[in-house]
Amino acid sequence: MGKKLTEAQIERYQRDGFVYPIDAFTAEEARRYRRAMEEFEAAHGTELTRGHNFKPHLLFTWVDEIVHHPAIVDAV
């Protein structure tokens, strides 16, 4: 049994290779990550673009936190 997922979600993950939605973050964590993204966009006068989606965890510490967050990596 997974740490956060139901048996049905685990079966879907094993069958499809993905499952959503997963409640991974607290409301405060989600606000903090969104704020970090919005601060970047405001500072650079643009939204995150296609050029930012190649290994973004190497560009942004907050994305690195997301991809290594226990609620994400330990979901299954």
C-alpha atoms as a PDB file:
ATOM      1  CA  MET A   1       0.000   0.000   0.000  1.00  0.00           C
ATOM      2  CA  GLY A   2       1.277   3.468  -0.856  1.00  0.00           C
ATOM      3  CA  LYS A   3       1.924   6.141   1.684  1.00  0.00           C
ATOM      4  CA  LYS A   4      -0.600   8.619   0.260  1.00  0.00           C
ATOM      5  CA  LEU A   5      -2.390   6.836  -2.548  1.00  0.00           C
ATOM      6  CA  THR A   6      -5.392   4.564  -2.403  1.00  0.00           C
ATOM      7  CA  GLU A   7      -5.183   1.081  -3.889  1.00  0.00           C
ATOM      8  CA  ALA A   8      -7.198   2.312  -6.891  1.00  0.00           C
ATOM      9  CA  GLN A   9      -4.766   5.192  -7.439  1.00  0.00           C
ATOM     10  CA  ILE A  10      -1.799   2.825  -7.231  1.00  0.00           C
ATOM     11  CA  GLU A  11      -3.404   0.525  -9.793  1.00  0.00           C
ATOM     12  CA  ARG A  12      -4.032   3.508 -12.068  1.00  0.00           C
ATOM     13  CA  TYR A  13      -0.420   4.623 -11.619  1.00  0.00           C
ATOM     14  CA  GLN A  14       0.881   1.160 -12.455  1.00  0.00           C
ATOM     15  CA  ARG A  15      -1.394   0.929 -15.498  1.00  0.00           C
ATOM     16  CA  ASP A  16      -1.048   4.490 -16.853  1.00  0.00           C
ATOM     17  CA  GLY A  17       2.262   5.683 -15.419  1.00  0.00           C
ATOM     18  CA  PHE A  18       0.683   8.690 -13.716  1.00  0.00           C
ATOM     19  CA  VAL A  19      -2.098   9.559 -11.326  1.00  0.00           C
ATOM     20  CA  TYR A  20      -3.735  12.825 -10.398  1.00  0.00           C
ATOM     21  CA  PRO A  21      -4.695  14.786  -8.443  1.00  0.00           C
ATOM     22  CA  ILE A  22      -2.517  14.171  -5.406  1.00  0.00           C
ATOM     23  CA  ASP A  23      -2.868  16.457  -2.415  1.00  0.00           C
ATOM     24  CA  ALA A  24       0.826  16.862  -1.763  1.00  0.00           C
ATOM     25  CA  PHE A  25       1.311  20.266  -0.185  1.00  0.00           C
ATOM     26  CA  THR A  26      -0.241  22.223   2.590  1.00  0.00           C
ATOM     27  CA  ALA A  27      -2.011  25.405   1.563  1.00  0.00           C
ATOM     28  CA  GLU A  28       0.923  27.430   2.907  1.00  0.00           C
ATOM     29  CA  GLU A  29       3.469  25.402   0.920  1.00  0.00           C
ATOM     30  CA  ALA A  30       1.411  25.810  -2.248  1.00  0.00           C
ATOM     31  CA  ARG A  31       1.184  29.570  -1.654  1.00  0.00           C
ATOM     32  CA  ARG A  32       4.946  29.772  -1.104  1.00  0.00           C
ATOM     33  CA  TYR A  33       5.746  27.914  -4.341  1.00  0.00           C
ATOM     34  CA  ARG A  34       3.250  29.965  -6.305  1.00  0.00           C
ATOM     35  CA  ARG A  35       4.636  33.177  -4.810  1.00  0.00           C
ATOM     36  CA  ALA A  36       8.162  32.144  -5.849  1.00  0.00           C
ATOM     37  CA  MET A  37       6.996  31.588  -9.418  1.00  0.00           C
ATOM     38  CA  GLU A  38       5.087  34.873  -9.500  1.00  0.00           C
ATOM     39  CA  GLU A  39       8.084  36.754  -8.078  1.00  0.00           C
ATOM     40  CA  PHE A  40      10.274  35.361 -10.851  1.00  0.00           C
ATOM     41  CA  GLU A  41       7.721  36.368 -13.467  1.00  0.00           C
ATOM     42  CA  ALA A  42       7.386  39.877 -12.022  1.00  0.00           C
ATOM     43  CA  ALA A  43      11.155  40.345 -11.811  1.00  0.00           C
ATOM     44  CA  HIS A  44      11.659  39.246 -15.416  1.00  0.00           C
ATOM     45  CA  GLY A  45       8.524  40.782 -16.889  1.00  0.00           C
ATOM     46  CA  THR A  46       7.429  37.486 -18.403  1.00  0.00           C
ATOM     47  CA  GLU A  47       5.754  34.242 -17.513  1.00  0.00           C
ATOM     48  CA  LEU A  48       7.791  31.087 -17.264  1.00  0.00           C
ATOM     49  CA  THR A  49       8.350  29.995 -20.834  1.00  0.00           C
ATOM     50  CA  ARG A  50       9.268  26.884 -22.714  1.00  0.00           C
ATOM     51  CA  GLY A  51      12.936  27.613 -22.092  1.00  0.00           C
ATOM     52  CA  HIS A  52      12.353  27.258 -18.374  1.00  0.00           C
ATOM     53  CA  ASN A  53      10.855  23.778 -18.510  1.00  0.00           C
ATOM     54  CA  PHE A  54      14.072  21.890 -19.276  1.00  0.00           C
ATOM     55  CA  LYS A  55      15.437  20.741 -15.920  1.00  0.00           C
ATOM     56  CA  PRO A  56      13.821  23.639 -14.044  1.00  0.00           C
ATOM     57  CA  HIS A  57      14.926  22.101 -10.746  1.00  0.00           C
ATOM     58  CA  LEU A  58      18.448  23.173 -11.718  1.00  0.00           C
ATOM     59  CA  LEU A  59      17.306  26.749 -12.369  1.00  0.00           C
ATOM     60  CA  PHE A  60      15.033  27.347  -9.401  1.00  0.00           C
ATOM     61  CA  THR A  61      15.605  26.185  -5.842  1.00  0.00           C
ATOM     62  CA  TRP A  62      11.856  26.194  -5.204  1.00  0.00           C
ATOM     63  CA  VAL A  63      11.292  23.732  -8.079  1.00  0.00           C
ATOM     64  CA  ASP A  64      14.058  21.544  -6.674  1.00  0.00           C
ATOM     65  CA  GLU A  65      12.192  21.554  -3.358  1.00  0.00           C
ATOM     66  CA  ILE A  66       9.010  20.455  -5.131  1.00  0.00           C
ATOM     67  CA  VAL A  67      10.566  17.568  -7.054  1.00  0.00           C
ATOM     68  CA  HIS A  68      12.335  16.291  -3.942  1.00  0.00           C
ATOM     69  CA  HIS A  69       9.453  16.900  -1.539  1.00  0.00           C
ATOM     70  CA  PRO A  70       8.622  13.717   0.412  1.00  0.00           C
ATOM     71  CA  ALA A  71       4.927  14.125  -0.396  1.00  0.00           C
ATOM     72  CA  ILE A  72       5.836  13.787  -4.077  1.00  0.00           C
ATOM     73  CA  VAL A  73       8.585  11.175  -4.080  1.00  0.00           C
ATOM     74  CA  ASP A  74       7.001   9.014  -1.384  1.00  0.00           C
ATOM     75  CA  ALA A  75       3.459   9.091  -2.757  1.00  0.00           C
ATOM     76  CA  VAL A  76       3.590   5.525  -4.044  1.00  0.00           C
END
